[in-house]
Amino acid sequence: MTESERTQIKTAFLEKLQTFAQTLKEYVSTPDNQWTIKGFIDVFENIYTISADTKIISKILEIHLFSKFLEFANQYNYEIILAEKQNWYPDVSFVSKENPEIKFAVDLKTTFRLESNSAFCNGFTLGSHGEYFINRNSPKNIQFPYNQYLGHYCLGILYSRKALTYLEEAVIYKRENLTEIPSVIGDFEFFACEKWRIASDKRGSGNTANIGSIIYIKDILKGNGIFSKLGEQWFDEYWINYGKIIVPDAITKSGSPRYITNIRDYLKFKGIDDAWIAENITSKTTTANFKAGEDE
């Protein structure tokens, strides 16, 4: 397959995925933009409200949307393969039934808008930069080796959280009172993009080897991540080398060497002008200075 053919196939798949993403809000939302999922039901038809825990929300959304993923795969003649284990990448592999060499990795990613400023979100983790990312023929913690995928995509879900009071959480509802149950989330926004386009140069979760995203929502929806001007090759190269290269002549207060963990230091090390870094608003500490629409 030529590079031109690869690009055409990737572009066509992304366009389909983006169109698909725009159909999902109506599927998961009530007319007043609440989540259609209201709670858990037992055999006595008692309904219990859902916790706002992000892991619970994410898993239920994944289950909620699975039938839609099947419809998408069938519509475009793909086989859908779910990750065999919980911590494997990606969430979903789409494999062409006509040509099994054509594979796409799609991760379903969810996050919430910040209550302090809805122009920002809490951010996404965009997969590991560990073994399978570095050694692209490795089968470790990945459904197929990384280099077998033509493209790596994020189907993202942004939502707003509704804080339930203790009394609202404690109430046990009956089926006839279904419409009275408050939804824990709502105001959904769906998008699809190649994951490198919304990546930051920071880890997404503590000391784990996860790639973090940018957090300004308008930049996310535009695909204006920190690597968006540099391109996917620089994204790959930076994250493969993250934390491995010593900053020349840089010593920490403890006397130990300092390693490169930001894109400016990396480009300086490579002798590249940092003007290629995309400008975006990244700091959660400055959210009070920006409102949705103010930068337009």
C-alpha atoms as a PDB file:
ATOM      1  CA  MET A   1       0.000   0.000   0.000  1.00  0.00           C
ATOM      2  CA  THR A   2       1.445   3.374  -1.010  1.00  0.00           C
ATOM      3  CA  GLU A   3       1.592   6.326   1.365  1.00  0.00           C
ATOM      4  CA  SER A   4      -0.950   8.147  -0.798  1.00  0.00           C
ATOM      5  CA  GLU A   5      -3.358   5.202  -0.530  1.00  0.00           C
ATOM      6  CA  ARG A   6      -2.846   5.038   3.228  1.00  0.00           C
ATOM      7  CA  THR A   7      -3.644   8.744   3.538  1.00  0.00           C
ATOM      8  CA  GLN A   8      -6.801   8.408   1.441  1.00  0.00           C
ATOM      9  CA  ILE A   9      -8.052   5.451   3.487  1.00  0.00           C
ATOM     10  CA  LYS A  10      -7.285   7.229   6.777  1.00  0.00           C
ATOM     11  CA  THR A  11      -9.025  10.417   5.651  1.00  0.00           C
ATOM     12  CA  ALA A  12     -12.118   8.524   4.531  1.00  0.00           C
ATOM     13  CA  PHE A  13     -12.325   6.628   7.831  1.00  0.00           C
ATOM     14  CA  LEU A  14     -11.945   9.800   9.897  1.00  0.00           C
ATOM     15  CA  GLU A  15     -14.687  11.560   7.941  1.00  0.00           C
ATOM     16  CA  LYS A  16     -17.027   8.625   8.586  1.00  0.00           C
ATOM     17  CA  LEU A  17     -16.093   8.552  12.276  1.00  0.00           C
ATOM     18  CA  GLN A  18     -16.675  12.299  12.632  1.00  0.00           C
ATOM     19  CA  THR A  19     -20.084  12.035  10.982  1.00  0.00           C
ATOM     20  CA  PHE A  20     -20.912   9.098  13.257  1.00  0.00           C
ATOM     21  CA  ALA A  21     -19.857  11.059  16.362  1.00  0.00           C
ATOM     22  CA  GLN A  22     -22.333  13.814  15.545  1.00  0.00           C
ATOM     23  CA  THR A  23     -25.246  11.326  15.660  1.00  0.00           C
ATOM     24  CA  LEU A  24     -24.559  10.179  19.210  1.00  0.00           C
ATOM     25  CA  LYS A  25     -25.740  13.151  21.257  1.00  0.00           C
ATOM     26  CA  GLU A  26     -29.357  12.576  20.273  1.00  0.00           C
ATOM     27  CA  TYR A  27     -29.021   8.888  21.129  1.00  0.00           C
ATOM     28  CA  VAL A  28     -27.842   9.481  24.721  1.00  0.00           C
ATOM     29  CA  SER A  29     -29.790  12.672  25.528  1.00  0.00           C
ATOM     30  CA  THR A  30     -33.307  13.574  26.598  1.00  0.00           C
ATOM     31  CA  PRO A  31     -34.954  16.627  24.937  1.00  0.00           C
ATOM     32  CA  ASP A  32     -33.675  18.802  27.817  1.00  0.00           C
ATOM     33  CA  ASN A  33     -30.080  17.548  27.311  1.00  0.00           C
ATOM     34  CA  GLN A  34     -29.929  15.163  30.275  1.00  0.00           C
ATOM     35  CA  TRP A  35     -28.471  11.677  30.046  1.00  0.00           C
ATOM     36  CA  THR A  36     -31.089   9.082  29.171  1.00  0.00           C
ATOM     37  CA  ILE A  37     -29.479   6.632  31.594  1.00  0.00           C
ATOM     38  CA  LYS A  38     -31.074   7.277  34.975  1.00  0.00           C
ATOM     39  CA  GLY A  39     -29.860   4.508  37.257  1.00  0.00           C
ATOM     40  CA  PHE A  40     -29.654   0.804  38.069  1.00  0.00           C
ATOM     41  CA  ILE A  41     -32.750  -1.354  38.394  1.00  0.00           C
ATOM     42  CA  ASP A  42     -33.175  -4.526  40.455  1.00  0.00           C
ATOM     43  CA  VAL A  43     -35.615  -7.425  40.050  1.00  0.00           C
ATOM     44  CA  PHE A  44     -38.095  -5.645  42.346  1.00  0.00           C
ATOM     45  CA  GLU A  45     -38.097  -2.697  39.895  1.00  0.00           C
ATOM     46  CA  ASN A  46     -36.351  -0.431  42.372  1.00  0.00           C
ATOM     47  CA  ILE A  47     -34.178   2.142  40.573  1.00  0.00           C
ATOM     48  CA  TYR A  48     -31.049   3.551  42.214  1.00  0.00           C
ATOM     49  CA  THR A  49     -29.285   6.678  40.979  1.00  0.00           C
ATOM     50  CA  ILE A  50     -25.824   6.426  39.413  1.00  0.00           C
ATOM     51  CA  SER A  51     -22.692   7.661  41.118  1.00  0.00           C
ATOM     52  CA  ALA A  52     -20.921  10.562  39.408  1.00  0.00           C
ATOM     53  CA  ASP A  53     -17.620   8.655  39.647  1.00  0.00           C
ATOM     54  CA  THR A  54     -15.848   9.163  36.324  1.00  0.00           C
ATOM     55  CA  LYS A  55     -14.865   5.497  35.933  1.00  0.00           C
ATOM     56  CA  ILE A  56     -18.471   4.401  36.418  1.00  0.00           C
ATOM     57  CA  ILE A  57     -19.745   7.060  34.002  1.00  0.00           C
ATOM     58  CA  SER A  58     -17.164   6.077  31.399  1.00  0.00           C
ATOM     59  CA  LYS A  59     -17.977   2.359  31.585  1.00  0.00           C
ATOM     60  CA  ILE A  60     -21.732   2.853  31.387  1.00  0.00           C
ATOM     61  CA  LEU A  61     -21.352   5.180  28.397  1.00  0.00           C
ATOM     62  CA  GLU A  62     -19.211   2.542  26.704  1.00  0.00           C
ATOM     63  CA  ILE A  63     -21.938  -0.073  27.224  1.00  0.00           C
ATOM     64  CA  HIS A  64     -24.641   2.416  26.215  1.00  0.00           C
ATOM     65  CA  LEU A  65     -22.917   3.200  22.900  1.00  0.00           C
ATOM     66  CA  PHE A  66     -21.770  -0.310  21.977  1.00  0.00           C
ATOM     67  CA  SER A  67     -24.773  -1.063  19.760  1.00  0.00           C
ATOM     68  CA  LYS A  68     -24.044   2.137  17.829  1.00  0.00           C
ATOM     69  CA  PHE A  69     -20.445   1.053  17.278  1.00  0.00           C
ATOM     70  CA  LEU A  70     -21.774  -2.228  15.879  1.00  0.00           C
ATOM     71  CA  GLU A  71     -24.070  -0.331  13.502  1.00  0.00           C
ATOM     72  CA  PHE A  72     -21.152   1.823  12.348  1.00  0.00           C
ATOM     73  CA  ALA A  73     -18.937  -1.216  11.765  1.00  0.00           C
ATOM     74  CA  ASN A  74     -21.650  -3.051   9.816  1.00  0.00           C
ATOM     75  CA  GLN A  75     -22.456   0.013   7.729  1.00  0.00           C
ATOM     76  CA  TYR A  76     -18.873   0.331   6.503  1.00  0.00           C
ATOM     77  CA  ASN A  77     -17.999  -3.367   6.399  1.00  0.00           C
ATOM     78  CA  TYR A  78     -15.652  -3.518   9.359  1.00  0.00           C
ATOM     79  CA  GLU A  79     -15.220  -6.235  11.942  1.00  0.00           C
ATOM     80  CA  ILE A  80     -15.257  -4.805  15.448  1.00  0.00           C
ATOM     81  CA  ILE A  81     -12.802  -6.247  17.996  1.00  0.00           C
ATOM     82  CA  LEU A  82     -12.908  -5.173  21.625  1.00  0.00           C
ATOM     83  CA  ALA A  83      -9.794  -5.094  23.793  1.00  0.00           C
ATOM     84  CA  GLU A  84      -9.298  -8.555  25.278  1.00  0.00           C
ATOM     85  CA  LYS A  85      -8.254  -7.180  28.674  1.00  0.00           C
ATOM     86  CA  GLN A  86      -9.299  -4.105  30.613  1.00  0.00           C
ATOM     87  CA  ASN A  87      -5.949  -2.325  30.405  1.00  0.00           C
ATOM     88  CA  TRP A  88      -5.246  -3.114  26.747  1.00  0.00           C
ATOM     89  CA  TYR A  89      -5.159  -0.574  23.937  1.00  0.00           C
ATOM     90  CA  PRO A  90      -7.324   0.340  22.084  1.00  0.00           C
ATOM     91  CA  ASP A  91     -10.907   0.119  23.313  1.00  0.00           C
ATOM     92  CA  VAL A  92     -12.087  -0.857  19.834  1.00  0.00           C
ATOM     93  CA  SER A  93     -10.236  -2.137  16.762  1.00  0.00           C
ATOM     94  CA  PHE A  94     -11.966  -1.744  13.408  1.00  0.00           C
ATOM     95  CA  VAL A  95     -10.686  -4.305  10.891  1.00  0.00           C
ATOM     96  CA  SER A  96     -11.774  -4.160   7.260  1.00  0.00           C
ATOM     97  CA  LYS A  97     -13.608  -7.300   6.151  1.00  0.00           C
ATOM     98  CA  GLU A  98     -12.400  -6.710   2.583  1.00  0.00           C
ATOM     99  CA  ASN A  99      -8.757  -6.175   3.529  1.00  0.00           C
ATOM    100  CA  PRO A 100      -7.750  -7.251   7.075  1.00  0.00           C
ATOM    101  CA  GLU A 101      -4.514  -5.261   6.732  1.00  0.00           C
ATOM    102  CA  ILE A 102      -6.631  -2.140   7.144  1.00  0.00           C
ATOM    103  CA  LYS A 103      -7.024  -1.614  10.884  1.00  0.00           C
ATOM    104  CA  PHE A 104      -7.984   1.443  12.913  1.00  0.00           C
ATOM    105  CA  ALA A 105      -7.595   1.949  16.657  1.00  0.00           C
ATOM    106  CA  VAL A 106     -10.394   3.893  18.346  1.00  0.00           C
ATOM    107  CA  ASP A 107     -10.421   4.813  22.028  1.00  0.00           C
ATOM    108  CA  LEU A 108     -13.620   6.038  23.650  1.00  0.00           C
ATOM    109  CA  LYS A 109     -12.580   8.923  25.905  1.00  0.00           C
ATOM    110  CA  THR A 110     -14.796  10.838  28.326  1.00  0.00           C
ATOM    111  CA  THR A 111     -14.222  13.871  30.494  1.00  0.00           C
ATOM    112  CA  PHE A 112     -16.220  16.588  32.221  1.00  0.00           C
ATOM    113  CA  ARG A 113     -16.285  20.355  31.867  1.00  0.00           C
ATOM    114  CA  LEU A 114     -14.810  22.195  34.817  1.00  0.00           C
ATOM    115  CA  GLU A 115     -17.418  23.720  37.096  1.00  0.00           C
ATOM    116  CA  SER A 116     -15.202  26.786  37.586  1.00  0.00           C
ATOM    117  CA  ASN A 117     -15.206  27.462  33.828  1.00  0.00           C
ATOM    118  CA  SER A 118     -17.023  25.398  31.227  1.00  0.00           C
ATOM    119  CA  ALA A 119     -14.587  26.531  28.519  1.00  0.00           C
ATOM    120  CA  PHE A 120     -12.151  23.974  29.987  1.00  0.00           C
ATOM    121  CA  CYS A 121     -12.387  20.258  30.700  1.00  0.00           C
ATOM    122  CA  ASN A 122     -10.575  17.924  33.054  1.00  0.00           C
ATOM    123  CA  GLY A 123      -8.605  16.417  30.162  1.00  0.00           C
ATOM    124  CA  PHE A 124      -8.197  13.000  28.562  1.00  0.00           C
ATOM    125  CA  THR A 125      -5.562  10.301  28.808  1.00  0.00           C
ATOM    126  CA  LEU A 126      -4.625   9.284  25.276  1.00  0.00           C
ATOM    127  CA  GLY A 127      -3.022   5.901  25.805  1.00  0.00           C
ATOM    128  CA  SER A 128       0.352   4.724  27.005  1.00  0.00           C
ATOM    129  CA  HIS A 129       3.750   5.884  25.788  1.00  0.00           C
ATOM    130  CA  GLY A 130       5.248   2.687  27.179  1.00  0.00           C
ATOM    131  CA  GLU A 131       6.279  -0.618  25.628  1.00  0.00           C
ATOM    132  CA  TYR A 132       3.800  -0.977  22.748  1.00  0.00           C
ATOM    133  CA  PHE A 133       4.221   2.703  21.812  1.00  0.00           C
ATOM    134  CA  ILE A 134       8.023   2.510  21.818  1.00  0.00           C
ATOM    135  CA  ASN A 135       8.390  -0.954  20.263  1.00  0.00           C
ATOM    136  CA  ARG A 136       5.762  -0.855  17.576  1.00  0.00           C
ATOM    137  CA  ASN A 137       5.946  -4.556  16.859  1.00  0.00           C
ATOM    138  CA  SER A 138       5.270  -5.424  20.494  1.00  0.00           C
ATOM    139  CA  PRO A 139       2.078  -7.342  21.387  1.00  0.00           C
ATOM    140  CA  LYS A 140       2.241  -6.240  25.038  1.00  0.00           C
ATOM    141  CA  ASN A 141      -1.007  -4.676  26.334  1.00  0.00           C
ATOM    142  CA  ILE A 142      -2.316  -3.996  22.824  1.00  0.00           C
ATOM    143  CA  GLN A 143      -4.802  -5.835  20.622  1.00  0.00           C
ATOM    144  CA  PHE A 144      -2.570  -5.684  17.535  1.00  0.00           C
ATOM    145  CA  PRO A 145       0.969  -4.264  17.368  1.00  0.00           C
ATOM    146  CA  TYR A 146       0.879  -0.477  17.138  1.00  0.00           C
ATOM    147  CA  ASN A 147       2.319  -0.291  13.637  1.00  0.00           C
ATOM    148  CA  GLN A 148      -0.416  -2.556  12.232  1.00  0.00           C
ATOM    149  CA  TYR A 149      -2.967   0.238  12.695  1.00  0.00           C
ATOM    150  CA  LEU A 150      -3.271   2.754   9.883  1.00  0.00           C
ATOM    151  CA  GLY A 151      -4.524   5.366  12.307  1.00  0.00           C
ATOM    152  CA  HIS A 152      -5.140   5.993  16.001  1.00  0.00           C
ATOM    153  CA  TYR A 153      -8.302   7.886  16.884  1.00  0.00           C
ATOM    154  CA  CYS A 154     -10.126   9.316  19.850  1.00  0.00           C
ATOM    155  CA  LEU A 155     -13.905   9.356  19.941  1.00  0.00           C
ATOM    156  CA  GLY A 156     -14.325  11.958  22.659  1.00  0.00           C
ATOM    157  CA  ILE A 157     -17.260  12.747  24.913  1.00  0.00           C
ATOM    158  CA  LEU A 158     -17.477  16.006  26.849  1.00  0.00           C
ATOM    159  CA  TYR A 159     -20.206  16.388  29.450  1.00  0.00           C
ATOM    160  CA  SER A 160     -21.295  18.522  32.384  1.00  0.00           C
ATOM    161  CA  ARG A 161     -21.759  17.004  35.829  1.00  0.00           C
ATOM    162  CA  LYS A 162     -24.768  17.552  38.060  1.00  0.00           C
ATOM    163  CA  ALA A 163     -23.999  17.269  41.748  1.00  0.00           C
ATOM    164  CA  LEU A 164     -26.752  15.307  43.443  1.00  0.00           C
ATOM    165  CA  THR A 165     -27.648  16.053  47.027  1.00  0.00           C
ATOM    166  CA  TYR A 166     -27.428  13.294  49.618  1.00  0.00           C
ATOM    167  CA  LEU A 167     -31.223  13.006  49.613  1.00  0.00           C
ATOM    168  CA  GLU A 168     -31.347  12.690  45.816  1.00  0.00           C
ATOM    169  CA  GLU A 169     -28.745   9.923  45.931  1.00  0.00           C
ATOM    170  CA  ALA A 170     -30.540   8.110  48.760  1.00  0.00           C
ATOM    171  CA  VAL A 171     -33.978   8.025  47.093  1.00  0.00           C
ATOM    172  CA  ILE A 172     -35.118   4.702  45.661  1.00  0.00           C
ATOM    173  CA  TYR A 173     -37.347   5.280  42.657  1.00  0.00           C
ATOM    174  CA  LYS A 174     -39.962   3.139  40.966  1.00  0.00           C
ATOM    175  CA  ARG A 175     -40.334   2.650  37.229  1.00  0.00           C
ATOM    176  CA  GLU A 176     -43.433   4.849  37.079  1.00  0.00           C
ATOM    177  CA  ASN A 177     -41.320   7.706  38.476  1.00  0.00           C
ATOM    178  CA  LEU A 178     -38.579   7.311  35.880  1.00  0.00           C
ATOM    179  CA  THR A 179     -38.841  10.842  34.507  1.00  0.00           C
ATOM    180  CA  GLU A 180     -38.388  12.288  37.996  1.00  0.00           C
ATOM    181  CA  ILE A 181     -34.928  10.750  38.448  1.00  0.00           C
ATOM    182  CA  PRO A 182     -32.191  13.373  38.076  1.00  0.00           C
ATOM    183  CA  SER A 183     -29.421  12.594  35.581  1.00  0.00           C
ATOM    184  CA  VAL A 184     -25.912  12.828  36.985  1.00  0.00           C
ATOM    185  CA  ILE A 185     -24.518  14.176  33.694  1.00  0.00           C
ATOM    186  CA  GLY A 186     -25.779  15.966  30.594  1.00  0.00           C
ATOM    187  CA  ASP A 187     -25.025  18.575  27.900  1.00  0.00           C
ATOM    188  CA  PHE A 188     -23.035  16.111  25.811  1.00  0.00           C
ATOM    189  CA  GLU A 189     -20.635  17.048  23.047  1.00  0.00           C
ATOM    190  CA  PHE A 190     -19.091  14.359  20.822  1.00  0.00           C
ATOM    191  CA  PHE A 191     -16.100  14.623  18.507  1.00  0.00           C
ATOM    192  CA  ALA A 192     -13.639  12.403  16.683  1.00  0.00           C
ATOM    193  CA  CYS A 193     -10.022  13.102  15.767  1.00  0.00           C
ATOM    194  CA  GLU A 194      -6.603  11.524  15.477  1.00  0.00           C
ATOM    195  CA  LYS A 195      -5.342  11.357  19.033  1.00  0.00           C
ATOM    196  CA  TRP A 196      -2.045  13.153  18.357  1.00  0.00           C
ATOM    197  CA  ARG A 197      -3.965  16.257  17.313  1.00  0.00           C
ATOM    198  CA  ILE A 198      -5.244  16.898  20.852  1.00  0.00           C
ATOM    199  CA  ALA A 199      -2.163  15.723  22.725  1.00  0.00           C
ATOM    200  CA  SER A 200      -0.194  17.852  25.151  1.00  0.00           C
ATOM    201  CA  ASP A 201       3.452  17.354  26.101  1.00  0.00           C
ATOM    202  CA  LYS A 202       2.505  16.344  29.661  1.00  0.00           C
ATOM    203  CA  ARG A 203       1.485  13.040  31.153  1.00  0.00           C
ATOM    204  CA  GLY A 204      -2.199  12.528  31.655  1.00  0.00           C
ATOM    205  CA  SER A 205      -2.223  10.891  35.085  1.00  0.00           C
ATOM    206  CA  GLY A 206       0.400  11.201  37.785  1.00  0.00           C
ATOM    207  CA  ASN A 207       3.465   9.032  37.290  1.00  0.00           C
ATOM    208  CA  THR A 208       1.816   6.534  34.957  1.00  0.00           C
ATOM    209  CA  ALA A 209       3.007   6.336  31.354  1.00  0.00           C
ATOM    210  CA  ASN A 210      -0.093   7.951  29.870  1.00  0.00           C
ATOM    211  CA  ILE A 211      -0.121  10.728  27.294  1.00  0.00           C
ATOM    212  CA  GLY A 212      -2.149  13.738  28.393  1.00  0.00           C
ATOM    213  CA  SER A 213      -4.409  15.981  26.338  1.00  0.00           C
ATOM    214  CA  ILE A 214      -4.887  19.710  26.123  1.00  0.00           C
ATOM    215  CA  ILE A 215      -7.821  20.988  28.201  1.00  0.00           C
ATOM    216  CA  TYR A 216      -9.201  24.092  26.445  1.00  0.00           C
ATOM    217  CA  ILE A 217     -12.344  22.775  24.759  1.00  0.00           C
ATOM    218  CA  LYS A 218     -12.235  24.990  21.679  1.00  0.00           C
ATOM    219  CA  ASP A 219      -8.692  23.821  20.976  1.00  0.00           C
ATOM    220  CA  ILE A 220      -9.784  20.198  21.451  1.00  0.00           C
ATOM    221  CA  LEU A 221     -12.659  20.527  18.982  1.00  0.00           C
ATOM    222  CA  LYS A 222     -10.350  22.202  16.450  1.00  0.00           C
ATOM    223  CA  GLY A 223      -7.644  19.556  16.889  1.00  0.00           C
ATOM    224  CA  ASN A 224      -5.285  22.298  18.021  1.00  0.00           C
ATOM    225  CA  GLY A 225      -3.041  20.229  20.288  1.00  0.00           C
ATOM    226  CA  ILE A 226       0.539  21.167  21.007  1.00  0.00           C
ATOM    227  CA  PHE A 227       1.784  18.959  18.128  1.00  0.00           C
ATOM    228  CA  SER A 228      -0.793  20.125  15.565  1.00  0.00           C
ATOM    229  CA  LYS A 229       1.761  22.267  13.662  1.00  0.00           C
ATOM    230  CA  LEU A 230       4.632  19.834  14.150  1.00  0.00           C
ATOM    231  CA  GLY A 231       2.817  16.719  12.919  1.00  0.00           C
ATOM    232  CA  GLU A 232       2.373  13.122  14.010  1.00  0.00           C
ATOM    233  CA  GLN A 233       6.023  12.139  13.510  1.00  0.00           C
ATOM    234  CA  TRP A 234       7.144  14.696  16.108  1.00  0.00           C
ATOM    235  CA  PHE A 235       4.391  13.537  18.458  1.00  0.00           C
ATOM    236  CA  ASP A 236       5.669   9.971  18.131  1.00  0.00           C
ATOM    237  CA  GLU A 237       9.327  10.926  18.506  1.00  0.00           C
ATOM    238  CA  TYR A 238       8.757  13.153  21.532  1.00  0.00           C
ATOM    239  CA  TRP A 239       6.679  10.613  23.465  1.00  0.00           C
ATOM    240  CA  ILE A 240       9.004   7.713  22.615  1.00  0.00           C
ATOM    241  CA  ASN A 241      11.845   9.745  24.159  1.00  0.00           C
ATOM    242  CA  TYR A 242       9.852  11.317  26.999  1.00  0.00           C
ATOM    243  CA  GLY A 243      11.902  11.505  30.198  1.00  0.00           C
ATOM    244  CA  LYS A 244      14.908   9.693  28.700  1.00  0.00           C
ATOM    245  CA  ILE A 245      17.143  12.511  27.446  1.00  0.00           C
ATOM    246  CA  ILE A 246      19.159  14.594  29.875  1.00  0.00           C
ATOM    247  CA  VAL A 247      18.827  18.348  29.413  1.00  0.00           C
ATOM    248  CA  PRO A 248      22.355  19.537  28.576  1.00  0.00           C
ATOM    249  CA  ASP A 249      23.986  21.488  31.440  1.00  0.00           C
ATOM    250  CA  ALA A 250      20.806  21.318  33.539  1.00  0.00           C
ATOM    251  CA  ILE A 251      21.053  20.135  37.139  1.00  0.00           C
ATOM    252  CA  THR A 252      18.225  19.970  39.677  1.00  0.00           C
ATOM    253  CA  LYS A 253      18.506  21.398  43.191  1.00  0.00           C
ATOM    254  CA  SER A 254      19.344  17.919  44.472  1.00  0.00           C
ATOM    255  CA  GLY A 255      22.292  17.762  42.106  1.00  0.00           C
ATOM    256  CA  SER A 256      20.826  15.117  39.803  1.00  0.00           C
ATOM    257  CA  PRO A 257      20.432  15.632  36.038  1.00  0.00           C
ATOM    258  CA  ARG A 258      17.158  16.982  34.620  1.00  0.00           C
ATOM    259  CA  TYR A 259      15.429  15.001  31.906  1.00  0.00           C
ATOM    260  CA  ILE A 260      13.457  16.382  28.980  1.00  0.00           C
ATOM    261  CA  THR A 261       9.732  16.326  29.777  1.00  0.00           C
ATOM    262  CA  ASN A 262       8.452  19.262  27.721  1.00  0.00           C
ATOM    263  CA  ILE A 263       8.359  19.963  24.009  1.00  0.00           C
ATOM    264  CA  ARG A 264      10.333  23.236  24.174  1.00  0.00           C
ATOM    265  CA  ASP A 265      13.329  21.518  25.716  1.00  0.00           C
ATOM    266  CA  TYR A 266      13.012  18.697  23.208  1.00  0.00           C
ATOM    267  CA  LEU A 267      12.949  21.005  20.180  1.00  0.00           C
ATOM    268  CA  LYS A 268      15.870  22.981  21.598  1.00  0.00           C
ATOM    269  CA  PHE A 269      17.787  19.717  22.023  1.00  0.00           C
ATOM    270  CA  LYS A 270      17.003  18.859  18.381  1.00  0.00           C
ATOM    271  CA  GLY A 271      17.940  22.363  17.151  1.00  0.00           C
ATOM    272  CA  ILE A 272      14.396  23.164  15.982  1.00  0.00           C
ATOM    273  CA  ASP A 273      12.629  26.530  16.270  1.00  0.00           C
ATOM    274  CA  ASP A 274       9.942  26.295  18.964  1.00  0.00           C
ATOM    275  CA  ALA A 275       7.685  28.536  16.859  1.00  0.00           C
ATOM    276  CA  TRP A 276       6.336  25.224  15.504  1.00  0.00           C
ATOM    277  CA  ILE A 277       4.625  24.575  18.825  1.00  0.00           C
ATOM    278  CA  ALA A 278       0.906  25.272  18.486  1.00  0.00           C
ATOM    279  CA  GLU A 279      -0.384  28.021  20.716  1.00  0.00           C
ATOM    280  CA  ASN A 280      -3.115  26.879  23.071  1.00  0.00           C
ATOM    281  CA  ILE A 281      -4.436  27.642  26.523  1.00  0.00           C
ATOM    282  CA  THR A 282      -3.279  24.863  28.799  1.00  0.00           C
ATOM    283  CA  SER A 283      -3.289  25.838  32.464  1.00  0.00           C
ATOM    284  CA  LYS A 284      -6.190  24.926  34.726  1.00  0.00           C
ATOM    285  CA  THR A 285      -4.985  27.622  37.113  1.00  0.00           C
ATOM    286  CA  THR A 286      -5.856  30.328  34.588  1.00  0.00           C
ATOM    287  CA  THR A 287      -9.377  29.184  33.735  1.00  0.00           C
ATOM    288  CA  ALA A 288     -10.944  32.155  35.522  1.00  0.00           C
ATOM    289  CA  ASN A 289      -9.373  34.439  32.913  1.00  0.00           C
ATOM    290  CA  PHE A 290     -11.136  32.777  29.993  1.00  0.00           C
ATOM    291  CA  LYS A 291     -14.774  32.351  29.177  1.00  0.00           C
ATOM    292  CA  ALA A 292     -16.310  30.400  26.327  1.00  0.00           C
ATOM    293  CA  GLY A 293     -16.283  32.665  23.284  1.00  0.00           C
ATOM    294  CA  GLU A 294     -13.972  35.353  24.728  1.00  0.00           C
ATOM    295  CA  ASP A 295     -11.053  34.497  22.480  1.00  0.00           C
ATOM    296  CA  GLU A 296     -13.001  34.729  19.240  1.00  0.00           C
END
